[in-house]
Each structure stands twice: as C-alpha cells, then as structure tokens.
Amino acid sequence: MKGQNNSVAFIAVLITLLAGCGKGEQHTNNAKTKPDQALSLPLFQTESTLNARGEEVILVPKSSVFQQGGLTGVFVVGDDQKATIRWIRTGRIDHGSVVVLGGIDKGEMVIANYNPELKEGVSVTKSQAVTREATSNE
C-alpha cells in the first residue's frame, strides 16, 4: 500500500510540473489562428549543407525555432498543408541559422517565423514574400 501512495504522489507532482510548462514565456505576436483558417506564411525548405569539417548538416532559420517546457521545436508543414510541431535537437547557431542535429529531414518545409499563437492542425499556404531555401555554408 505504501508503494501505491508513493506512485500517486509522484504522479501528482509530475502533473503539477507539466501543467506549469511554458508559463511565463513572453509572446509579442498577436496573430490569432483557427484550425479551419488557411494562413499564408513564409516557409523555409530545409537543405543539407557542409560544415567546416565537411560533415553534412541541416540548417533552419533561428526565427523558426522555439522553446516549450524544456523542448526545442519548429513548425513543419507537410504534404497535407497542415502545421505540425516537430521536436528537434539543435547544435550551434551560425549566421542566423540553427544547425539541426536530429528531428527533421532535408527537404521538409518549416514555418520561417515562429508565432506563439499558431496551433497544430492549421492549414498553411506558402507566402510568396519570404519562402526560401538554405544555401549558405556553415
């Protein structure tokens, strides 16, 4: 019985900690999004490039990366044109781009500028203004 009480207490503490994740973050973009509303947003197609050591790496714009509850993520837009959070592992920041060590593949489309109001499942169309591909070397 004592083991069950410890498990219940642990779960209660875990839920309390997770419920507080993300609170206190500052948000400056006031755009409102709805899951049934298609948004025209600048997208960035991930490309691999060679770093100084000749290793292939993937870059994403620093502006596309966000932190939530200790995790690092980007919004990916798939073939279904829906925004989905992808949790990534990052390396160094170089000239406004972040080296991605895991969690995203070459050729995927990420939303170039993170918007804290954006929700998963929102339909996204490419904005003609800023959509670009990675071409710089580290």
N, C-alpha and C. Protein backbone atom coordinates (compact mmCIF):
# COMPACT_ATOMS: atom_id res chain seq x y z
N MET A 1 0.82 -1.20 0.00
CA MET A 1 0.00 0.00 0.00
C MET A 1 0.87 1.26 0.00
N LYS A 2 2.00 1.20 0.72
CA LYS A 2 2.88 2.35 0.78
C LYS A 2 3.45 2.67 -0.61
N GLY A 3 3.74 1.64 -1.40
CA GLY A 3 4.23 1.85 -2.76
C GLY A 3 3.22 2.55 -3.64
N GLN A 4 1.94 2.25 -3.46
CA GLN A 4 0.89 2.91 -4.25
C GLN A 4 0.80 4.38 -3.88
N ASN A 5 0.93 4.69 -2.59
CA ASN A 5 0.88 6.10 -2.16
C ASN A 5 2.04 6.89 -2.76
N ASN A 6 3.23 6.26 -2.80
CA ASN A 6 4.38 6.93 -3.40
C ASN A 6 4.15 7.17 -4.89
N SER A 7 3.57 6.19 -5.57
CA SER A 7 3.29 6.34 -7.00
C SER A 7 2.29 7.45 -7.26
N VAL A 8 1.24 7.51 -6.44
CA VAL A 8 0.23 8.56 -6.59
C VAL A 8 0.85 9.92 -6.34
N ALA A 9 1.69 10.02 -5.32
CA ALA A 9 2.34 11.30 -5.00
C ALA A 9 3.26 11.71 -6.15
N PHE A 10 4.00 10.77 -6.70
CA PHE A 10 4.90 11.06 -7.81
C PHE A 10 4.12 11.56 -9.03
N ILE A 11 3.04 10.89 -9.36
CA ILE A 11 2.21 11.29 -10.50
C ILE A 11 1.62 12.68 -10.27
N ALA A 12 1.18 12.97 -9.05
CA ALA A 12 0.62 14.29 -8.75
C ALA A 12 1.67 15.38 -8.94
N VAL A 13 2.89 15.13 -8.49
CA VAL A 13 3.97 16.10 -8.65
C VAL A 13 4.31 16.27 -10.13
N LEU A 14 4.36 15.17 -10.86
CA LEU A 14 4.66 15.23 -12.29
C LEU A 14 3.61 16.04 -13.05
N ILE A 15 2.35 15.81 -12.76
CA ILE A 15 1.27 16.56 -13.41
C ILE A 15 1.37 18.04 -13.08
N THR A 16 1.67 18.36 -11.84
CA THR A 16 1.82 19.76 -11.43
C THR A 16 2.95 20.43 -12.20
N LEU A 17 4.08 19.73 -12.33
CA LEU A 17 5.22 20.29 -13.06
C LEU A 17 4.89 20.50 -14.54
N LEU A 18 4.27 19.50 -15.15
CA LEU A 18 3.94 19.62 -16.57
C LEU A 18 2.90 20.69 -16.84
N ALA A 19 1.99 20.88 -15.92
CA ALA A 19 0.95 21.90 -16.11
C ALA A 19 1.55 23.29 -16.15
N GLY A 20 2.69 23.49 -15.51
CA GLY A 20 3.32 24.81 -15.47
C GLY A 20 4.26 25.07 -16.63
N CYS A 21 4.54 24.08 -17.46
CA CYS A 21 5.47 24.25 -18.57
C CYS A 21 4.97 25.31 -19.54
N GLY A 22 5.88 26.21 -19.92
CA GLY A 22 5.52 27.21 -20.91
C GLY A 22 4.93 28.48 -20.33
N LYS A 23 4.56 28.46 -19.05
CA LYS A 23 4.01 29.67 -18.46
C LYS A 23 5.14 30.66 -18.22
N GLY A 24 4.86 31.92 -18.35
CA GLY A 24 5.86 32.95 -18.14
C GLY A 24 6.63 33.29 -19.40
N GLU A 25 6.39 32.60 -20.51
CA GLU A 25 7.04 32.95 -21.75
C GLU A 25 6.42 34.23 -22.28
N GLN A 26 7.26 35.06 -22.87
CA GLN A 26 6.76 36.31 -23.44
C GLN A 26 6.36 36.08 -24.88
N HIS A 27 5.21 36.60 -25.25
CA HIS A 27 4.72 36.49 -26.62
C HIS A 27 4.48 37.90 -27.15
N THR A 28 5.06 38.18 -28.33
CA THR A 28 4.92 39.52 -28.89
C THR A 28 4.06 39.55 -30.15
N ASN A 29 3.76 38.41 -30.72
CA ASN A 29 2.98 38.38 -31.95
C ASN A 29 1.52 38.14 -31.59
N ASN A 30 0.64 39.01 -32.03
CA ASN A 30 -0.77 38.93 -31.64
C ASN A 30 -1.66 38.27 -32.68
N ALA A 31 -1.08 37.61 -33.67
CA ALA A 31 -1.90 36.97 -34.70
C ALA A 31 -2.70 35.83 -34.10
N LYS A 32 -3.97 35.78 -34.42
CA LYS A 32 -4.85 34.71 -33.94
C LYS A 32 -5.02 33.70 -35.07
N THR A 33 -4.99 32.43 -34.73
CA THR A 33 -5.18 31.40 -35.74
C THR A 33 -6.28 30.45 -35.31
N LYS A 34 -6.96 29.91 -36.30
CA LYS A 34 -8.01 28.92 -36.07
C LYS A 34 -7.68 27.71 -36.92
N PRO A 35 -7.95 26.49 -36.43
CA PRO A 35 -7.62 25.30 -37.20
C PRO A 35 -8.24 25.26 -38.60
N ASP A 36 -9.39 25.89 -38.83
CA ASP A 36 -10.03 25.84 -40.14
C ASP A 36 -9.64 27.01 -41.04
N GLN A 37 -8.74 27.86 -40.58
CA GLN A 37 -8.33 29.05 -41.33
C GLN A 37 -6.98 28.78 -42.00
N ALA A 38 -6.89 28.95 -43.32
CA ALA A 38 -5.62 28.79 -44.04
C ALA A 38 -4.82 30.08 -43.92
N LEU A 39 -3.59 29.96 -43.49
CA LEU A 39 -2.71 31.11 -43.33
C LEU A 39 -1.65 31.11 -44.41
N SER A 40 -1.33 32.28 -44.93
CA SER A 40 -0.25 32.43 -45.88
C SER A 40 0.99 32.85 -45.09
N LEU A 41 1.95 31.93 -44.97
CA LEU A 41 3.13 32.17 -44.14
C LEU A 41 4.40 31.91 -44.93
N PRO A 42 5.49 32.62 -44.58
CA PRO A 42 6.77 32.32 -45.21
C PRO A 42 7.28 30.97 -44.73
N LEU A 43 7.69 30.13 -45.67
CA LEU A 43 8.21 28.81 -45.35
C LEU A 43 9.67 28.72 -45.75
N PHE A 44 10.36 27.80 -45.14
CA PHE A 44 11.78 27.57 -45.40
C PHE A 44 11.96 26.09 -45.69
N GLN A 45 12.49 25.76 -46.86
CA GLN A 45 12.74 24.37 -47.19
C GLN A 45 14.12 23.98 -46.69
N THR A 46 14.16 22.99 -45.79
CA THR A 46 15.44 22.58 -45.22
C THR A 46 16.30 21.93 -46.29
N GLU A 47 17.56 22.23 -46.23
CA GLU A 47 18.55 21.68 -47.14
C GLU A 47 19.74 21.25 -46.31
N SER A 48 20.46 20.30 -46.82
CA SER A 48 21.70 19.95 -46.15
C SER A 48 22.82 20.77 -46.76
N THR A 49 23.80 21.06 -45.94
CA THR A 49 24.98 21.79 -46.39
C THR A 49 26.17 21.20 -45.66
N LEU A 50 27.36 21.53 -46.10
CA LEU A 50 28.56 21.01 -45.45
C LEU A 50 29.09 22.02 -44.45
N ASN A 51 29.42 21.55 -43.26
CA ASN A 51 30.03 22.45 -42.28
C ASN A 51 31.53 22.53 -42.54
N ALA A 52 32.25 23.24 -41.69
CA ALA A 52 33.68 23.46 -41.88
C ALA A 52 34.48 22.16 -41.88
N ARG A 53 33.96 21.12 -41.24
CA ARG A 53 34.65 19.82 -41.19
C ARG A 53 34.23 18.89 -42.32
N GLY A 54 33.40 19.39 -43.24
CA GLY A 54 32.96 18.58 -44.36
C GLY A 54 31.81 17.64 -44.04
N GLU A 55 31.18 17.83 -42.88
CA GLU A 55 30.05 16.99 -42.48
C GLU A 55 28.75 17.61 -42.97
N GLU A 56 27.82 16.76 -43.40
CA GLU A 56 26.52 17.24 -43.87
C GLU A 56 25.65 17.60 -42.67
N VAL A 57 25.11 18.82 -42.67
CA VAL A 57 24.23 19.28 -41.60
C VAL A 57 22.98 19.92 -42.21
N ILE A 58 21.94 20.02 -41.40
CA ILE A 58 20.70 20.68 -41.82
C ILE A 58 20.58 21.98 -41.06
N LEU A 59 20.19 23.04 -41.76
CA LEU A 59 20.01 24.36 -41.16
C LEU A 59 18.56 24.78 -41.23
N VAL A 60 18.11 25.49 -40.18
CA VAL A 60 16.80 26.15 -40.19
C VAL A 60 17.02 27.57 -39.68
N PRO A 61 16.15 28.50 -40.05
CA PRO A 61 16.30 29.87 -39.56
C PRO A 61 16.13 29.91 -38.04
N LYS A 62 16.95 30.71 -37.39
CA LYS A 62 16.83 30.88 -35.93
C LYS A 62 15.43 31.34 -35.57
N SER A 63 14.81 32.15 -36.43
CA SER A 63 13.47 32.69 -36.16
C SER A 63 12.38 31.62 -36.17
N SER A 64 12.68 30.44 -36.70
CA SER A 64 11.67 29.38 -36.76
C SER A 64 11.68 28.49 -35.52
N VAL A 65 12.73 28.60 -34.71
CA VAL A 65 12.93 27.71 -33.56
C VAL A 65 12.30 28.32 -32.31
N PHE A 66 11.64 27.46 -31.52
CA PHE A 66 11.05 27.92 -30.26
C PHE A 66 11.31 26.91 -29.15
N GLN A 67 11.17 27.37 -27.92
CA GLN A 67 11.34 26.54 -26.72
C GLN A 67 9.99 26.39 -26.04
N GLN A 68 9.71 25.18 -25.58
CA GLN A 68 8.46 24.95 -24.84
C GLN A 68 8.72 23.85 -23.82
N GLY A 69 8.64 24.21 -22.54
CA GLY A 69 8.80 23.23 -21.48
C GLY A 69 10.10 22.46 -21.55
N GLY A 70 11.19 23.11 -21.91
CA GLY A 70 12.48 22.46 -21.98
C GLY A 70 12.75 21.75 -23.30
N LEU A 71 11.80 21.77 -24.21
CA LEU A 71 11.98 21.15 -25.52
C LEU A 71 12.19 22.24 -26.57
N THR A 72 12.87 21.88 -27.65
CA THR A 72 13.11 22.80 -28.76
C THR A 72 12.33 22.28 -29.96
N GLY A 73 11.62 23.19 -30.63
CA GLY A 73 10.80 22.74 -31.75
C GLY A 73 10.73 23.73 -32.89
N VAL A 74 10.14 23.27 -33.98
CA VAL A 74 9.79 24.09 -35.14
C VAL A 74 8.43 23.60 -35.62
N PHE A 75 7.73 24.44 -36.37
CA PHE A 75 6.50 24.02 -37.02
C PHE A 75 6.86 23.54 -38.43
N VAL A 76 6.47 22.32 -38.75
CA VAL A 76 6.69 21.73 -40.07
C VAL A 76 5.36 21.73 -40.81
N VAL A 77 5.41 22.03 -42.11
CA VAL A 77 4.21 21.95 -42.95
C VAL A 77 4.41 20.78 -43.90
N GLY A 78 3.54 19.78 -43.77
CA GLY A 78 3.65 18.56 -44.58
C GLY A 78 2.87 18.65 -45.88
N ASP A 79 2.81 17.53 -46.58
CA ASP A 79 2.07 17.45 -47.84
C ASP A 79 0.60 17.79 -47.68
N ASP A 80 0.07 17.59 -46.47
CA ASP A 80 -1.34 17.90 -46.20
C ASP A 80 -1.57 19.39 -45.95
N GLN A 81 -0.48 20.19 -46.01
CA GLN A 81 -0.52 21.64 -45.80
C GLN A 81 -0.96 22.01 -44.38
N LYS A 82 -0.72 21.14 -43.41
CA LYS A 82 -1.08 21.39 -42.02
C LYS A 82 0.19 21.64 -41.21
N ALA A 83 0.11 22.59 -40.27
CA ALA A 83 1.22 22.88 -39.37
C ALA A 83 1.28 21.83 -38.27
N THR A 84 2.47 21.29 -38.04
CA THR A 84 2.69 20.28 -37.02
C THR A 84 3.96 20.62 -36.26
N ILE A 85 3.94 20.51 -34.94
CA ILE A 85 5.14 20.74 -34.15
C ILE A 85 6.08 19.56 -34.33
N ARG A 86 7.35 19.86 -34.56
CA ARG A 86 8.38 18.84 -34.63
C ARG A 86 9.44 19.19 -33.59
N TRP A 87 9.67 18.29 -32.66
CA TRP A 87 10.69 18.50 -31.64
C TRP A 87 12.04 18.13 -32.24
N ILE A 88 13.02 19.02 -32.06
CA ILE A 88 14.32 18.83 -32.70
C ILE A 88 15.44 18.92 -31.67
N ARG A 89 16.60 18.41 -32.08
CA ARG A 89 17.82 18.54 -31.29
C ARG A 89 18.72 19.49 -32.07
N THR A 90 19.20 20.53 -31.41
CA THR A 90 19.94 21.56 -32.13
C THR A 90 21.41 21.60 -31.73
N GLY A 91 22.19 22.17 -32.63
CA GLY A 91 23.61 22.42 -32.39
C GLY A 91 23.83 23.91 -32.31
N ARG A 92 24.89 24.35 -32.92
CA ARG A 92 25.26 25.76 -32.82
C ARG A 92 24.41 26.66 -33.73
N ILE A 93 24.47 27.94 -33.42
CA ILE A 93 23.81 28.95 -34.24
C ILE A 93 24.88 29.59 -35.10
N ASP A 94 24.61 29.71 -36.40
CA ASP A 94 25.59 30.25 -37.32
C ASP A 94 24.93 31.19 -38.32
N HIS A 95 25.25 32.47 -38.24
CA HIS A 95 24.75 33.47 -39.19
C HIS A 95 23.23 33.46 -39.29
N GLY A 96 22.53 33.41 -38.17
CA GLY A 96 21.07 33.45 -38.18
C GLY A 96 20.40 32.13 -38.45
N SER A 97 21.18 31.07 -38.61
CA SER A 97 20.63 29.73 -38.82
C SER A 97 21.04 28.82 -37.66
N VAL A 98 20.20 27.84 -37.38
CA VAL A 98 20.48 26.87 -36.33
C VAL A 98 20.79 25.53 -36.98
N VAL A 99 21.87 24.90 -36.54
CA VAL A 99 22.21 23.57 -37.02
C VAL A 99 21.29 22.57 -36.32
N VAL A 100 20.61 21.74 -37.10
CA VAL A 100 19.70 20.74 -36.54
C VAL A 100 20.42 19.39 -36.55
N LEU A 101 20.54 18.79 -35.37
CA LEU A 101 21.23 17.52 -35.23
C LEU A 101 20.29 16.33 -35.33
N GLY A 102 19.00 16.57 -35.15
CA GLY A 102 18.03 15.48 -35.24
C GLY A 102 16.61 15.99 -35.16
N GLY A 103 15.69 15.22 -35.74
CA GLY A 103 14.27 15.54 -35.65
C GLY A 103 13.64 16.09 -36.90
N ILE A 104 14.46 16.41 -37.88
CA ILE A 104 13.93 16.96 -39.13
C ILE A 104 14.82 16.48 -40.28
N ASP A 105 14.22 16.33 -41.44
CA ASP A 105 14.96 15.82 -42.60
C ASP A 105 15.12 16.89 -43.67
N LYS A 106 16.10 16.67 -44.52
CA LYS A 106 16.34 17.53 -45.68
C LYS A 106 15.08 17.57 -46.54
N GLY A 107 14.73 18.78 -46.99
CA GLY A 107 13.59 18.94 -47.89
C GLY A 107 12.27 19.25 -47.21
N GLU A 108 12.22 19.13 -45.88
CA GLU A 108 10.97 19.45 -45.19
C GLU A 108 10.79 20.95 -45.13
N MET A 109 9.52 21.37 -45.09
CA MET A 109 9.19 22.80 -45.04
C MET A 109 8.89 23.19 -43.61
N VAL A 110 9.59 24.22 -43.10
CA VAL A 110 9.32 24.74 -41.77
C VAL A 110 8.78 26.16 -41.90
N ILE A 111 7.96 26.55 -40.96
CA ILE A 111 7.46 27.92 -40.93
C ILE A 111 8.63 28.80 -40.50
N ALA A 112 8.98 29.79 -41.33
CA ALA A 112 10.20 30.56 -41.15
C ALA A 112 10.22 31.41 -39.89
N ASN A 113 9.06 31.88 -39.44
CA ASN A 113 9.00 32.74 -38.26
C ASN A 113 8.01 32.16 -37.26
N TYR A 114 8.52 31.72 -36.11
CA TYR A 114 7.66 31.14 -35.09
C TYR A 114 6.64 32.17 -34.60
N ASN A 115 5.42 31.73 -34.46
CA ASN A 115 4.33 32.54 -33.94
C ASN A 115 3.71 31.76 -32.79
N PRO A 116 3.81 32.26 -31.55
CA PRO A 116 3.28 31.52 -30.41
C PRO A 116 1.77 31.31 -30.46
N GLU A 117 1.06 32.06 -31.28
CA GLU A 117 -0.38 31.89 -31.41
C GLU A 117 -0.75 30.76 -32.39
N LEU A 118 0.22 30.32 -33.19
CA LEU A 118 -0.03 29.27 -34.17
C LEU A 118 -0.32 27.95 -33.47
N LYS A 119 -1.29 27.23 -33.97
CA LYS A 119 -1.69 25.95 -33.38
C LYS A 119 -1.48 24.82 -34.39
N GLU A 120 -1.23 23.63 -33.87
CA GLU A 120 -1.12 22.46 -34.74
C GLU A 120 -2.44 22.24 -35.47
N GLY A 121 -2.33 21.79 -36.71
CA GLY A 121 -3.52 21.48 -37.50
C GLY A 121 -4.00 22.62 -38.37
N VAL A 122 -3.43 23.82 -38.20
CA VAL A 122 -3.82 24.97 -39.02
C VAL A 122 -3.34 24.74 -40.45
N SER A 123 -4.18 25.04 -41.42
CA SER A 123 -3.79 24.95 -42.83
C SER A 123 -2.86 26.11 -43.17
N VAL A 124 -1.80 25.80 -43.90
CA VAL A 124 -0.80 26.81 -44.25
C VAL A 124 -0.55 26.77 -45.75
N THR A 125 -0.50 27.95 -46.35
CA THR A 125 -0.09 28.08 -47.74
C THR A 125 1.19 28.89 -47.77
N LYS A 126 2.02 28.67 -48.79
CA LYS A 126 3.29 29.39 -48.91
C LYS A 126 3.05 30.85 -49.21
N SER A 127 3.67 31.72 -48.43
CA SER A 127 3.68 33.14 -48.73
C SER A 127 4.72 33.36 -49.82
N GLN A 128 4.42 34.17 -50.80
CA GLN A 128 5.37 34.44 -51.88
C GLN A 128 6.52 35.31 -51.41
N ALA A 129 6.34 36.02 -50.30
CA ALA A 129 7.30 37.02 -49.86
C ALA A 129 8.65 36.45 -49.44
N VAL A 130 8.69 35.49 -48.55
CA VAL A 130 9.95 35.12 -47.93
C VAL A 130 10.32 33.65 -48.08
N THR A 131 9.50 32.87 -48.75
CA THR A 131 9.81 31.45 -48.88
C THR A 131 11.18 31.30 -49.53
N ARG A 132 12.05 30.52 -48.90
CA ARG A 132 13.41 30.38 -49.42
C ARG A 132 13.99 29.03 -49.06
N GLU A 133 15.14 28.74 -49.64
CA GLU A 133 15.84 27.50 -49.36
C GLU A 133 17.17 27.83 -48.71
N ALA A 134 17.69 26.89 -47.93
CA ALA A 134 19.00 27.06 -47.32
C ALA A 134 20.07 26.90 -48.39
N THR A 135 20.98 27.87 -48.45
CA THR A 135 22.04 27.76 -49.44
C THR A 135 23.40 28.11 -48.87
N SER A 136 23.47 28.64 -47.65
CA SER A 136 24.74 29.08 -47.11
C SER A 136 25.50 27.92 -46.48
N ASN A 137 26.80 28.03 -46.50
CA ASN A 137 27.65 27.05 -45.82
C ASN A 137 27.97 27.55 -44.44
N GLU A 138 28.18 26.62 -43.53
CA GLU A 138 28.50 26.96 -42.15
C GLU A 138 29.89 27.53 -42.09
